[in-house]
Amino acid sequence: MAISVHYGTQLIGKVEPSSLGTFLLLCKEYGFDHEWHVGKNTFTITPALQGQVLNFAYNSEFADYEKELAKQICTYVTDSGLECTYNKGKSISRTLLIRLGQPSTNRFIQSPVVTFHHYHSPNDVPLKSFIQRELNHYGITCDFQSHKVSQKSSTSLSIDFDFPEEDKEYDLDSFTALFALVIGTALIEYYSECNNKPISACSIHTLTPYLIPKEKETESSAPKGEVKPALEPLTKVEENLNAEVFLDYTVYVKEEQQLQFITDVLIKNTGTAPLSNPMICLKVHPNEGVSITGQILPPSALETNGVTSGSGLKGWRYLEEDWYEKAKVRGEYWVAPIEALTVPPGGMVTLPNVQLKPTSLYEDKKLTVEAIVYFHDENLSFPSNNLIHVKQA
């Protein structure tokens, strides 16, 4: 009998007994805390950040914008296990109090400006670096100030907004949605660091590809005594757009314990429809953690160094001419095929022989590399099923 798998209290699928050992090892690999309840034939996975609380505080009487912003932030962090509360008073242990100030208008600015005040004890991990990195990536102007307080004081984050006058050209709804996503992402990174949890353990979707899907209801929903109308003949089969991404890498240990990774990025179309022109983002943390080389050309070198096939140039290129400078700031290396590339159902393409050499591993003690593949035409993205994760003992 298949074993039910729960993520917290939510049933997310089942696993066959013959696969339980492998599934348990996958949970360990991705950093999930888990427990097998033998008598109940269930397997429970604990969300990585369960028990951590975000308490949003604002003036309840005049707070339409603050309420909507808090709601959107919570939407983006719930999957990680973070719990959200509203106006619950002072912060307590394992809780971050987030005070949302009422927005004000500034006629001298053209786009929103956000001011942060982070109050934390000397032993806390500073939140500033996580938020600033995400805001800078998306071009949101901010002023961030950290304040150290006594160990017994509450940890809190105050956020104030200055918006342009209404006649200025900016989209408040778009800004709010983007800002909520940025803050949600930064909070997940922050709490993952505080609790020594990998990002892979913060999402339900990390493990769902390995599970048998939940059984769909098959009973008729029509009231008894009623005859359901005959179904119309199907004229079109719905297409399934899906892909899986893997990092197939080898570790080389050179003299003086220097490490080098050579990896292939494998992209397999597991759906029933073609996928076009994959764009690969190699995401590195810390930003300058590795130097990347391989068979990837900058845009200016395509004509002179590109390999020609019968249909034109082939291979892979960096998306931007200043890819190196931007990668050092963002920690992201963006790569795309030189010519149009279609991956048929069941087909696979490879970005081969990407060489990764750690540059600051021994300063930061750990290094993470992941791949995310985007199909712009289909508006789809797929993270790699595995990461390169190195930690110095």
Protein backbone atom coordinates (compact mmCIF):
# COMPACT_ATOMS: atom_id res chain seq x y z
CA MET A 1 0.00 0.00 0.00
CA ALA A 2 1.33 3.42 -0.96
CA ILE A 3 2.46 5.67 1.89
CA SER A 4 0.79 9.09 2.26
CA VAL A 5 3.23 12.02 2.29
CA HIS A 6 2.29 15.20 4.16
CA TYR A 7 4.01 18.60 3.95
CA GLY A 8 3.13 19.94 7.38
CA THR A 9 -0.58 19.12 7.59
CA GLN A 10 -1.16 19.11 3.81
CA LEU A 11 -1.32 15.84 1.85
CA ILE A 12 0.91 16.34 -1.21
CA GLY A 13 1.06 12.82 -2.67
CA LYS A 14 2.10 9.24 -2.03
CA VAL A 15 5.21 7.09 -2.34
CA GLU A 16 5.47 3.35 -2.92
CA PRO A 17 7.15 1.31 -0.14
CA SER A 18 9.79 0.18 -2.64
CA SER A 19 10.82 3.84 -3.12
CA LEU A 20 10.63 4.93 0.52
CA GLY A 21 14.35 4.44 1.23
CA THR A 22 15.37 6.53 -1.78
CA PHE A 23 12.75 9.16 -0.93
CA LEU A 24 14.11 9.40 2.63
CA LEU A 25 17.61 10.00 1.24
CA LEU A 26 16.24 12.70 -1.06
CA CYS A 27 14.70 14.43 1.97
CA LYS A 28 18.10 14.41 3.65
CA GLU A 29 19.83 15.64 0.48
CA TYR A 30 17.47 18.62 0.18
CA GLY A 31 17.60 19.43 3.90
CA PHE A 32 14.06 18.45 4.97
CA ASP A 33 13.24 17.34 8.51
CA HIS A 34 10.97 14.31 8.25
CA GLU A 35 9.30 11.51 10.21
CA TRP A 36 7.78 8.20 9.18
CA HIS A 37 4.69 7.20 11.20
CA VAL A 38 4.80 3.44 10.72
CA GLY A 39 1.47 2.63 12.35
CA LYS A 40 -0.40 5.31 10.38
CA ASN A 41 1.40 4.54 7.11
CA THR A 42 2.21 8.24 6.66
CA PHE A 43 5.40 10.21 6.06
CA THR A 44 5.52 13.80 7.36
CA ILE A 45 7.86 16.49 6.03
CA THR A 46 8.34 19.60 8.15
CA PRO A 47 8.55 22.93 6.25
CA ALA A 48 12.02 24.38 6.82
CA LEU A 49 10.87 27.60 8.50
CA GLN A 50 7.96 26.21 10.51
CA GLY A 51 7.74 27.92 13.90
CA GLN A 52 9.08 31.25 12.64
CA VAL A 53 6.53 34.08 12.75
CA LEU A 54 6.13 37.39 10.90
CA ASN A 55 3.91 39.79 12.86
CA PHE A 56 2.72 42.70 10.70
CA ALA A 57 1.73 45.84 12.59
CA TYR A 58 -0.09 48.86 11.16
CA ASN A 59 -2.82 51.36 11.98
CA SER A 60 -5.96 49.26 11.54
CA GLU A 61 -8.22 52.26 10.91
CA PHE A 62 -6.35 53.74 7.92
CA ALA A 63 -4.35 50.90 6.43
CA ASP A 64 -5.82 49.67 3.15
CA TYR A 65 -2.45 49.77 1.39
CA GLU A 66 -0.55 48.23 4.32
CA LYS A 67 -3.09 45.40 4.65
CA GLU A 68 -2.83 44.55 0.96
CA LEU A 69 0.98 44.65 1.05
CA ALA A 70 1.17 42.39 4.12
CA LYS A 71 -1.26 39.95 2.47
CA GLN A 72 0.86 39.76 -0.69
CA ILE A 73 4.11 39.25 1.25
CA CYS A 74 2.52 36.39 3.17
CA THR A 75 1.38 34.78 -0.08
CA TYR A 76 5.01 34.46 -1.16
CA VAL A 77 6.39 33.02 2.11
CA THR A 78 3.68 30.61 3.29
CA ASP A 79 5.13 27.62 1.40
CA SER A 80 8.38 27.91 3.40
CA GLY A 81 6.57 27.41 6.71
CA LEU A 82 6.72 31.04 7.84
CA GLU A 83 3.57 32.00 9.75
CA CYS A 84 1.99 35.46 9.39
CA THR A 85 0.03 37.29 12.08
CA TYR A 86 -1.43 40.79 12.16
CA ASN A 87 -1.36 43.41 14.94
CA LYS A 88 -0.51 40.94 17.69
CA GLY A 89 1.37 43.44 19.83
CA LYS A 90 5.06 43.24 20.65
CA SER A 91 7.43 40.77 19.09
CA ILE A 92 8.22 37.62 21.05
CA SER A 93 10.80 34.88 20.66
CA ARG A 94 11.12 33.52 17.08
CA THR A 95 9.00 36.43 15.81
CA LEU A 96 9.98 39.36 13.60
CA LEU A 97 7.77 42.40 14.12
CA ILE A 98 7.28 44.24 10.81
CA ARG A 99 5.83 47.73 11.18
CA LEU A 100 4.31 49.10 7.97
CA GLY A 101 4.10 52.89 7.95
CA GLN A 102 1.32 54.80 6.22
CA PRO A 103 2.59 55.93 2.77
CA SER A 104 3.33 59.62 2.18
CA THR A 105 3.57 61.65 -1.03
CA ASN A 106 6.74 63.40 -2.21
CA ARG A 107 6.48 65.72 -5.22
CA PHE A 108 10.26 65.71 -5.75
CA ILE A 109 10.61 62.02 -6.66
CA GLN A 110 9.74 60.13 -9.85
CA SER A 111 9.48 56.60 -8.41
CA PRO A 112 8.76 55.09 -4.96
CA VAL A 113 11.44 55.30 -2.26
CA VAL A 114 11.45 52.86 0.67
CA THR A 115 13.12 53.45 4.05
CA PHE A 116 13.95 50.54 6.38
CA HIS A 117 14.91 50.55 10.05
CA HIS A 118 16.06 47.17 11.40
CA TYR A 119 16.36 46.85 15.19
CA HIS A 120 18.26 43.73 16.22
CA SER A 121 20.53 42.37 18.94
CA PRO A 122 24.31 42.20 18.31
CA ASN A 123 24.18 38.41 17.88
CA ASP A 124 21.42 38.43 15.24
CA VAL A 125 22.14 37.90 11.55
CA PRO A 126 21.75 41.35 9.88
CA LEU A 127 18.72 41.48 7.58
CA LYS A 128 20.14 44.40 5.58
CA SER A 129 22.27 42.43 3.11
CA PHE A 130 19.41 40.13 2.09
CA ILE A 131 16.90 42.92 1.46
CA GLN A 132 19.34 45.29 -0.24
CA ARG A 133 20.58 42.61 -2.62
CA GLU A 134 17.05 41.82 -3.80
CA LEU A 135 15.97 45.48 -4.04
CA ASN A 136 19.10 46.46 -5.99
CA HIS A 137 18.52 43.58 -8.38
CA TYR A 138 15.08 44.96 -9.28
CA GLY A 139 16.09 48.63 -9.23
CA ILE A 140 13.99 49.69 -6.21
CA THR A 141 15.42 52.74 -4.42
CA CYS A 142 15.86 52.20 -0.68
CA ASP A 143 17.54 53.57 2.43
CA PHE A 144 18.37 50.82 4.94
CA GLN A 145 19.52 51.55 8.48
CA SER A 146 20.48 48.91 11.04
CA HIS A 147 20.24 49.60 14.78
CA LYS A 148 21.73 47.32 17.42
CA VAL A 149 19.68 47.04 20.59
CA SER A 150 20.00 45.04 23.80
CA GLN A 151 19.73 41.26 23.70
CA LYS A 152 16.36 41.38 25.52
CA SER A 153 14.78 43.89 23.14
CA SER A 154 12.39 42.84 20.40
CA THR A 155 13.66 42.31 16.87
CA SER A 156 11.72 44.52 14.48
CA LEU A 157 11.73 45.96 10.98
CA SER A 158 10.04 49.28 10.19
CA ILE A 159 9.17 50.08 6.57
CA ASP A 160 8.12 53.56 5.37
CA PHE A 161 7.11 54.58 1.85
CA ASP A 162 7.41 57.80 -0.13
CA PHE A 163 5.38 57.76 -3.35
CA PRO A 164 5.45 60.27 -6.23
CA GLU A 165 2.48 62.52 -6.79
CA GLU A 166 -0.43 60.94 -8.64
CA ASP A 167 0.35 62.69 -11.93
CA LYS A 168 3.77 61.00 -12.14
CA GLU A 169 4.05 58.00 -14.46
CA TYR A 170 4.39 54.90 -12.31
CA ASP A 171 2.18 51.87 -11.63
CA LEU A 172 1.47 51.49 -7.90
CA ASP A 173 -0.09 48.02 -8.25
CA SER A 174 2.91 46.70 -10.17
CA PHE A 175 5.33 48.23 -7.66
CA THR A 176 3.41 46.70 -4.73
CA ALA A 177 3.39 43.21 -6.28
CA LEU A 178 7.11 43.40 -7.09
CA PHE A 179 8.03 44.82 -3.67
CA ALA A 180 6.04 42.09 -1.89
CA LEU A 181 7.84 39.40 -3.90
CA VAL A 182 11.25 40.97 -3.20
CA ILE A 183 10.62 41.23 0.56
CA GLY A 184 9.18 37.72 0.70
CA THR A 185 12.24 36.33 -1.09
CA ALA A 186 14.63 38.22 1.20
CA LEU A 187 12.82 37.03 4.34
CA ILE A 188 13.05 33.40 3.20
CA GLU A 189 16.79 33.83 2.56
CA TYR A 190 17.23 35.57 5.93
CA TYR A 191 15.43 32.91 7.96
CA SER A 192 17.14 30.11 6.02
CA GLU A 193 20.50 31.60 7.00
CA CYS A 194 19.44 32.09 10.63
CA ASN A 195 18.25 28.49 10.90
CA ASN A 196 21.02 26.96 8.76
CA LYS A 197 18.47 25.58 6.29
CA PRO A 198 19.03 25.27 2.52
CA ILE A 199 16.62 27.09 0.20
CA SER A 200 15.67 23.71 -1.29
CA ALA A 201 13.94 22.82 2.01
CA CYS A 202 11.70 25.90 1.82
CA SER A 203 9.37 24.74 -0.94
CA ILE A 204 6.79 22.01 -1.32
CA HIS A 205 7.68 21.76 -5.01
CA THR A 206 11.17 20.39 -4.37
CA LEU A 207 9.82 16.90 -3.68
CA THR A 208 6.55 16.72 -5.62
CA PRO A 209 8.24 15.43 -8.83
CA TYR A 210 9.16 12.27 -6.90
CA LEU A 211 5.63 11.58 -5.59
CA ILE A 212 2.56 9.83 -6.92
CA PRO A 213 -0.03 12.64 -7.36
CA LYS A 214 -3.00 12.81 -5.04
CA GLU A 215 -5.96 10.77 -6.22
CA LYS A 216 -8.58 12.84 -7.98
CA GLU A 217 -12.20 12.51 -7.03
CA THR A 218 -13.95 10.13 -9.41
CA GLU A 219 -17.44 10.07 -7.95
CA SER A 220 -20.15 11.94 -9.78
CA SER A 221 -21.03 15.32 -8.33
CA ALA A 222 -24.56 15.22 -9.81
CA PRO A 223 -27.42 14.84 -7.29
CA LYS A 224 -28.94 11.39 -7.02
CA GLY A 225 -31.75 10.80 -9.46
CA GLU A 226 -30.37 13.23 -12.03
CA VAL A 227 -28.83 12.04 -15.25
CA LYS A 228 -25.61 13.77 -16.20
CA PRO A 229 -25.61 15.10 -19.76
CA ALA A 230 -23.46 13.32 -22.28
CA LEU A 231 -20.00 14.79 -22.70
CA GLU A 232 -19.22 16.66 -25.87
CA PRO A 233 -16.69 14.89 -28.10
CA LEU A 234 -13.16 16.09 -27.50
CA THR A 235 -11.85 18.11 -30.41
CA LYS A 236 -8.45 18.99 -28.96
CA VAL A 237 -6.11 17.28 -26.52
CA GLU A 238 -4.73 19.72 -23.96
CA GLU A 239 -0.97 20.09 -24.25
CA ASN A 240 1.23 19.40 -21.25
CA LEU A 241 4.18 21.80 -21.00
CA ASN A 242 6.81 20.45 -18.64
CA ALA A 243 10.55 19.98 -18.32
CA GLU A 244 13.16 18.75 -15.87
CA VAL A 245 16.60 20.26 -15.31
CA PHE A 246 19.64 18.51 -13.82
CA LEU A 247 23.23 19.45 -13.00
CA ASP A 248 25.49 16.52 -13.93
CA TYR A 249 28.80 17.51 -12.36
CA THR A 250 32.18 16.09 -11.40
CA VAL A 251 34.38 17.43 -8.59
CA TYR A 252 38.14 17.68 -9.10
CA VAL A 253 40.46 18.25 -6.12
CA LYS A 254 43.73 19.88 -7.15
CA GLU A 255 46.83 20.78 -5.21
CA GLU A 256 46.40 22.62 -1.91
CA GLN A 257 42.80 21.32 -1.74
CA GLN A 258 41.62 23.59 -4.56
CA LEU A 259 38.27 22.47 -5.98
CA GLN A 260 36.98 22.61 -9.53
CA PHE A 261 33.58 21.49 -10.82
CA ILE A 262 32.83 20.56 -14.42
CA THR A 263 29.09 20.32 -14.98
CA ASP A 264 26.64 19.72 -17.80
CA VAL A 265 23.25 21.44 -17.55
CA LEU A 266 20.72 18.89 -18.84
CA ILE A 267 17.27 20.05 -19.97
CA LYS A 268 14.71 17.34 -20.78
CA ASN A 269 11.27 18.03 -22.22
CA THR A 270 8.96 15.76 -20.18
CA GLY A 271 5.76 17.24 -21.61
CA THR A 272 3.74 16.57 -24.75
CA ALA A 273 4.47 19.80 -26.65
CA PRO A 274 7.69 21.35 -27.99
CA LEU A 275 9.54 23.96 -25.91
CA SER A 276 11.45 26.76 -27.62
CA ASN A 277 14.67 28.67 -26.94
CA PRO A 278 15.65 27.83 -23.34
CA MET A 279 17.42 30.58 -21.38
CA ILE A 280 19.60 29.29 -18.55
CA CYS A 281 20.33 31.24 -15.37
CA LEU A 282 23.25 29.87 -13.35
CA LYS A 283 22.69 31.37 -9.90
CA VAL A 284 25.65 31.53 -7.51
CA HIS A 285 25.67 32.35 -3.80
CA PRO A 286 27.72 34.20 -2.66
CA ASN A 287 27.75 36.43 -5.75
CA GLU A 288 31.51 36.18 -6.31
CA GLY A 289 31.72 32.60 -5.06
CA VAL A 290 32.97 31.09 -8.33
CA SER A 291 34.54 31.97 -11.64
CA ILE A 292 32.73 30.39 -14.59
CA THR A 293 34.29 29.42 -17.91
CA GLY A 294 33.28 27.08 -20.70
CA GLN A 295 32.06 26.88 -24.26
CA ILE A 296 29.97 30.06 -23.94
CA LEU A 297 30.61 33.09 -26.14
CA PRO A 298 30.02 36.78 -25.43
CA PRO A 299 27.75 38.46 -28.02
CA SER A 300 30.65 40.36 -29.63
CA ALA A 301 32.54 37.12 -30.41
CA LEU A 302 29.78 35.23 -32.21
CA GLU A 303 30.84 36.07 -35.75
CA THR A 304 34.54 35.34 -35.23
CA ASN A 305 34.45 32.39 -32.80
CA GLY A 306 31.03 30.78 -33.33
CA VAL A 307 30.88 27.21 -34.65
CA THR A 308 28.96 27.00 -37.92
CA SER A 309 26.55 24.20 -38.80
CA GLY A 310 24.45 23.67 -41.91
CA SER A 311 21.72 25.92 -40.49
CA GLY A 312 24.02 28.64 -39.15
CA LEU A 313 25.88 29.30 -35.91
CA LYS A 314 25.34 26.84 -33.08
CA GLY A 315 26.27 26.64 -29.42
CA TRP A 316 25.63 28.93 -26.46
CA ARG A 317 26.17 32.61 -25.73
CA TYR A 318 25.91 35.03 -22.83
CA LEU A 319 22.83 37.22 -23.06
CA GLU A 320 24.64 40.45 -22.21
CA GLU A 321 27.91 41.96 -23.39
CA ASP A 322 28.80 43.01 -19.83
CA TRP A 323 27.80 39.60 -18.44
CA TYR A 324 30.86 39.34 -16.19
CA GLU A 325 30.32 42.66 -14.40
CA LYS A 326 26.61 41.98 -13.89
CA ALA A 327 27.28 38.45 -12.63
CA LYS A 328 29.55 39.82 -9.90
CA VAL A 329 26.73 42.10 -8.72
CA ARG A 330 23.75 39.76 -9.14
CA GLY A 331 25.36 36.34 -8.79
CA GLU A 332 23.59 35.30 -12.02
CA TYR A 333 25.09 34.09 -15.31
CA TRP A 334 22.51 34.24 -18.14
CA VAL A 335 23.06 31.95 -21.13
CA ALA A 336 20.98 31.32 -24.27
CA PRO A 337 21.38 29.31 -27.50
CA ILE A 338 23.11 31.15 -30.35
CA GLU A 339 20.47 30.08 -32.88
CA ALA A 340 16.79 29.18 -32.49
CA LEU A 341 16.48 25.92 -30.56
CA THR A 342 13.41 23.72 -30.12
CA VAL A 343 13.28 20.84 -27.62
CA PRO A 344 10.75 18.23 -28.84
CA PRO A 345 8.69 16.11 -26.40
CA GLY A 346 11.02 13.55 -24.86
CA GLY A 347 14.05 15.37 -26.25
CA MET A 348 17.03 16.71 -24.32
CA VAL A 349 19.52 19.54 -24.83
CA THR A 350 22.75 20.13 -22.94
CA LEU A 351 24.89 23.10 -21.98
CA PRO A 352 28.15 21.13 -21.74
CA ASN A 353 31.40 21.46 -19.84
CA VAL A 354 30.70 24.49 -17.67
CA GLN A 355 33.76 24.91 -15.45
CA LEU A 356 33.19 26.30 -11.97
CA LYS A 357 36.15 27.28 -9.81
CA PRO A 358 35.41 28.49 -6.24
CA THR A 359 37.05 31.84 -5.52
CA SER A 360 35.80 32.74 -2.04
CA LEU A 361 34.67 29.40 -0.62
CA TYR A 362 37.13 29.47 2.23
CA GLU A 363 36.07 32.96 3.27
CA ASP A 364 32.31 32.35 3.23
CA LYS A 365 32.53 28.71 4.35
CA LYS A 366 29.87 27.61 1.87
CA LEU A 367 28.92 27.83 -1.78
CA THR A 368 25.69 27.09 -3.66
CA VAL A 369 25.14 26.88 -7.43
CA GLU A 370 21.75 26.20 -9.02
CA ALA A 371 20.27 26.42 -12.51
CA ILE A 372 16.91 27.85 -13.53
CA VAL A 373 15.71 27.40 -17.12
CA TYR A 374 13.23 29.84 -18.67
CA PHE A 375 11.15 29.34 -21.80
CA HIS A 376 10.10 32.89 -22.66
CA ASP A 377 7.68 31.99 -25.47
CA GLU A 378 5.73 29.61 -23.21
CA ASN A 379 6.12 31.81 -20.07
CA LEU A 380 7.56 28.88 -18.08
CA SER A 381 10.46 28.38 -15.69
CA PHE A 382 11.96 25.22 -14.19
CA PRO A 383 14.55 25.10 -11.36
CA SER A 384 17.16 22.35 -11.41
CA ASN A 385 16.26 19.20 -9.50
CA ASN A 386 19.64 19.28 -7.76
CA LEU A 387 22.14 21.88 -6.55
CA ILE A 388 25.89 22.09 -6.20
CA HIS A 389 26.27 22.75 -2.48
CA VAL A 390 29.69 22.88 -0.81
CA LYS A 391 30.32 23.66 2.83
CA GLN A 392 33.69 23.81 4.53
CA ALA A 393 33.83 21.93 7.82
